[in-house]
Every structure is written in structure tokens, then in C-alpha cells.
Amino acid sequence: RFNHIYGGDYFVLPEAVIEESVATLPGLDGRKMSKSYDNTIALFADPAVLKKQIMGLITDSKAPGEPKEVDGSALFPLYQAFATPEQAAAMRAAFADGIAWGEAKQMLFDAVEAEVAPMRMRYHELMADPGRIEDILQAGAAKARAIAAPLLQELRFAVGLRDLRSKSEIKA
């Protein structure tokens, strides 16, 4: 709307980029993952806590050796979110072959832990040094300010908030 009113290309509408396979992840109870449902997975928690949560995922009662469905499974979409396409295809085949739930949950834990462990370590390093966090935030603010200041000046000019001594584009 701003672009239309003030005749320029000042703002670009953002577009969400969400992979279809992970648009909505199931929580610990199989419903949509949500803090409101208290069914989230604490990814940055201690690995033992993470493993306990994953091992507690709700599954059906199919025995090892019985083929399992990926559709409707809370475990498969979570695995798919952390695995490569090749790993996801192998897990899909393992479901069809009747993988035991405990084994599938262990594979999920391994995939999640491989992805999250370095981030968890970095998180704990940063949390132990609040001064470093502040330095990072200040550096980010300075970088954003350098980008935003020229745009804000352009926007002010577009809406008429300009130095009256300016001779450019003054209409009578």
C-alpha cells in the first residue's frame, strides 16, 4: 500500500518459505506440536531429556516385523525434518519392512542429536557469556542501522518529511 500511495518500490512483500513436509510437525502426543498442548520437544535440553521425550512418542501397537504406516505416524515426519532425503527414504522402507518402534525412535534421536548437538553447545557457550551476547546484539544493531538509515531517509522524503531548504521536487 505504501508503494502504491507514494509511487515507488520501497517495500517488498515477504513470502513464507516452508517445506511442505515440515509445515506442521506432530508433537509428543501425535497432535500438532504446540506449546499450548504442552507436547513440544525440548531440542536444547540435555541429551538424556531429549532421548526420554523421543522414546515417549506415542506410536501404535504394531509389533516388530509388522509393516507400519508413515501416514499418521508422529515419528516419521519428525525424522523427515532432521534427515536427508536418502535417510527419509530408507526410514520409509524400514517402516514398510516392520521396523521396531524402539529402533525407529533411536534412529530419530540419533538424527535429531546429530543436527542439534552443535547448536546446543553454541547455545550453552553464549549463555555462559552474557557480555558476548550483548556485543553480538550491538554489532547486529549497527549493521541494521547502516542498512536502514538510507531507506528511512528515502521514506521520509517520499512522505514529505524533508528539509525545507531542499530544492528537489518541491511542488507549488
Protein backbone atom coordinates (compact mmCIF):
# COMPACT_ATOMS: atom_id res chain seq x y z
CA ARG A 1 0.00 0.00 0.00
CA PHE A 2 2.83 2.40 0.85
CA ASN A 3 4.45 1.75 -2.52
CA HIS A 4 1.17 2.48 -4.31
CA ILE A 5 0.41 5.69 -2.38
CA TYR A 6 3.91 7.17 -2.61
CA GLY A 7 4.85 5.83 -6.04
CA GLY A 8 7.95 3.77 -5.53
CA ASP A 9 9.31 0.35 -4.80
CA TYR A 10 10.17 0.94 -1.16
CA PHE A 11 8.89 -2.29 0.35
CA VAL A 12 8.71 -5.86 -0.91
CA LEU A 13 6.02 -8.16 0.45
CA PRO A 14 7.65 -11.11 2.23
CA GLU A 15 6.75 -14.63 1.20
CA ALA A 16 6.91 -17.59 3.55
CA VAL A 17 9.23 -20.40 2.56
CA ILE A 18 8.07 -23.52 4.36
CA GLU A 19 8.76 -27.00 3.14
CA GLU A 20 5.51 -28.92 2.75
CA SER A 21 6.95 -31.93 4.57
CA VAL A 22 7.58 -29.93 7.76
CA ALA A 23 4.83 -27.31 7.61
CA THR A 24 3.15 -28.86 10.64
CA LEU A 25 5.11 -31.23 12.82
CA PRO A 26 3.42 -33.62 15.23
CA GLY A 27 4.14 -33.26 18.91
CA LEU A 28 4.87 -35.88 21.53
CA ASP A 29 1.22 -36.96 21.62
CA GLY A 30 0.72 -37.06 17.84
CA ARG A 31 -1.28 -33.81 17.68
CA LYS A 32 0.14 -30.68 16.08
CA MET A 33 3.22 -29.60 18.02
CA SER A 34 2.29 -26.62 20.16
CA LYS A 35 3.30 -25.03 23.44
CA SER A 36 -0.42 -24.71 24.18
CA TYR A 37 -0.77 -28.50 24.04
CA ASP A 38 2.44 -28.93 26.06
CA ASN A 39 3.65 -31.51 23.54
CA THR A 40 6.87 -29.91 22.31
CA ILE A 41 10.31 -31.47 22.17
CA ALA A 42 12.99 -29.63 24.13
CA LEU A 43 15.71 -29.69 21.49
CA PHE A 44 18.28 -27.77 23.55
CA ALA A 45 17.68 -29.82 26.69
CA ASP A 46 20.22 -32.31 27.98
CA PRO A 47 20.52 -35.27 25.55
CA ALA A 48 19.09 -37.62 28.20
CA VAL A 49 15.95 -35.47 28.47
CA LEU A 50 15.67 -35.28 24.69
CA LYS A 51 16.02 -39.05 24.38
CA LYS A 52 13.38 -39.61 27.08
CA GLN A 53 10.94 -37.34 25.22
CA ILE A 54 11.57 -39.06 21.89
CA MET A 55 11.27 -42.53 23.40
CA GLY A 56 7.92 -41.42 24.86
CA LEU A 57 6.45 -40.56 21.45
CA ILE A 58 3.03 -42.12 21.02
CA THR A 59 3.00 -44.94 18.46
CA ASP A 60 0.52 -47.63 17.53
CA SER A 61 0.62 -51.17 18.87
CA LYS A 62 2.08 -52.87 15.79
CA ALA A 63 4.72 -55.40 16.71
CA PRO A 64 8.24 -55.57 15.24
CA GLY A 65 8.06 -57.17 11.81
CA GLU A 66 4.60 -55.76 11.05
CA PRO A 67 4.61 -53.11 8.33
CA LYS A 68 3.96 -49.63 9.71
CA GLU A 69 2.31 -46.66 8.01
CA VAL A 70 4.23 -43.41 7.63
CA ASP A 71 0.95 -41.54 7.20
CA GLY A 72 -0.49 -40.80 10.61
CA SER A 73 2.77 -41.61 12.36
CA ALA A 74 4.14 -38.88 14.62
CA LEU A 75 7.61 -40.35 14.36
CA PHE A 76 8.14 -40.28 10.59
CA PRO A 77 7.51 -36.54 9.95
CA LEU A 78 9.84 -35.66 12.82
CA TYR A 79 12.52 -37.93 11.38
CA GLN A 80 11.97 -36.46 7.93
CA ALA A 81 12.50 -32.93 9.31
CA PHE A 82 16.02 -33.83 10.50
CA ALA A 83 17.09 -36.41 7.91
CA THR A 84 18.40 -36.17 4.39
CA PRO A 85 16.03 -37.28 1.61
CA GLU A 86 18.02 -40.51 1.31
CA GLN A 87 17.73 -41.20 5.05
CA ALA A 88 13.99 -40.44 4.94
CA ALA A 89 13.56 -42.87 2.03
CA ALA A 90 15.46 -45.53 4.00
CA MET A 91 13.22 -44.92 7.04
CA ARG A 92 10.12 -45.17 4.83
CA ALA A 93 11.39 -48.55 3.60
CA ALA A 94 12.15 -49.60 7.19
CA PHE A 95 8.55 -48.75 8.15
CA ALA A 96 7.31 -50.94 5.30
CA ASP A 97 9.65 -53.73 6.46
CA GLY A 98 8.27 -53.53 10.01
CA ILE A 99 10.99 -51.72 11.95
CA ALA A 100 10.53 -51.94 15.73
CA TRP A 101 9.28 -48.71 17.29
CA GLY A 102 12.18 -48.59 19.72
CA GLU A 103 14.67 -48.84 16.86
CA ALA A 104 12.83 -46.16 14.86
CA LYS A 105 12.80 -43.87 17.89
CA GLN A 106 16.53 -44.43 18.40
CA MET A 107 17.12 -43.50 14.76
CA LEU A 108 15.05 -40.34 15.28
CA PHE A 109 17.04 -39.46 18.40
CA ASP A 110 20.33 -40.01 16.52
CA ALA A 111 19.20 -37.77 13.64
CA VAL A 112 17.98 -35.01 15.96
CA GLU A 113 21.07 -35.20 18.15
CA ALA A 114 23.42 -35.04 15.14
CA GLU A 115 21.69 -31.87 13.97
CA VAL A 116 21.11 -30.16 17.30
CA ALA A 117 24.22 -31.04 19.37
CA PRO A 118 26.47 -28.36 17.78
CA MET A 119 23.72 -25.75 18.18
CA ARG A 120 23.14 -26.79 21.79
CA MET A 121 26.86 -26.46 22.50
CA ARG A 122 26.93 -22.98 20.94
CA TYR A 123 23.82 -22.00 22.91
CA HIS A 124 25.43 -23.00 26.20
CA GLU A 125 28.67 -21.17 25.29
CA LEU A 126 26.72 -17.98 24.59
CA MET A 127 24.52 -18.28 27.67
CA ALA A 128 27.65 -18.55 29.81
CA ASP A 129 28.91 -15.19 28.48
CA PRO A 130 26.16 -12.50 28.53
CA GLY A 131 28.69 -9.80 27.59
CA ARG A 132 29.42 -11.61 24.35
CA ILE A 133 25.70 -11.81 23.59
CA GLU A 134 25.44 -8.05 24.11
CA ASP A 135 28.44 -7.47 21.79
CA ILE A 136 26.78 -9.59 19.10
CA LEU A 137 23.48 -7.72 19.52
CA GLN A 138 25.19 -4.32 19.33
CA ALA A 139 27.14 -5.33 16.21
CA GLY A 140 23.90 -6.54 14.61
CA ALA A 141 22.14 -3.29 15.52
CA ALA A 142 24.95 -1.24 13.94
CA LYS A 143 24.81 -3.35 10.79
CA ALA A 144 21.00 -3.00 10.59
CA ARG A 145 21.21 0.74 11.25
CA ALA A 146 23.65 1.18 8.34
CA ILE A 147 21.16 -0.52 6.02
CA ALA A 148 18.03 1.09 7.48
CA ALA A 149 19.19 4.73 7.71
CA PRO A 150 19.33 5.40 3.94
CA LEU A 151 15.95 3.71 3.44
CA LEU A 152 14.39 5.72 6.26
CA GLN A 153 15.74 8.90 4.71
CA GLU A 154 14.20 7.90 1.38
CA LEU A 155 10.85 7.10 3.06
CA ARG A 156 10.81 10.43 4.92
CA PHE A 157 11.42 12.23 1.65
CA ALA A 158 8.64 10.25 -0.06
CA VAL A 159 6.04 11.20 2.55
CA GLY A 160 7.12 14.84 2.64
CA LEU A 161 9.20 14.88 5.78
CA ARG A 162 12.21 16.56 4.24
CA ASP A 163 14.43 19.50 4.88
CA LEU A 164 12.52 22.55 3.65
CA ARG A 165 15.77 24.01 2.33
CA SER A 166 15.92 21.11 -0.10
CA LYS A 167 15.19 22.29 -3.65
CA SER A 168 14.44 18.88 -5.09
CA GLU A 169 10.85 18.07 -6.06
CA ILE A 170 9.12 21.00 -4.32
CA LYS A 171 5.73 21.44 -5.96
CA ALA A 172 3.86 24.73 -5.93
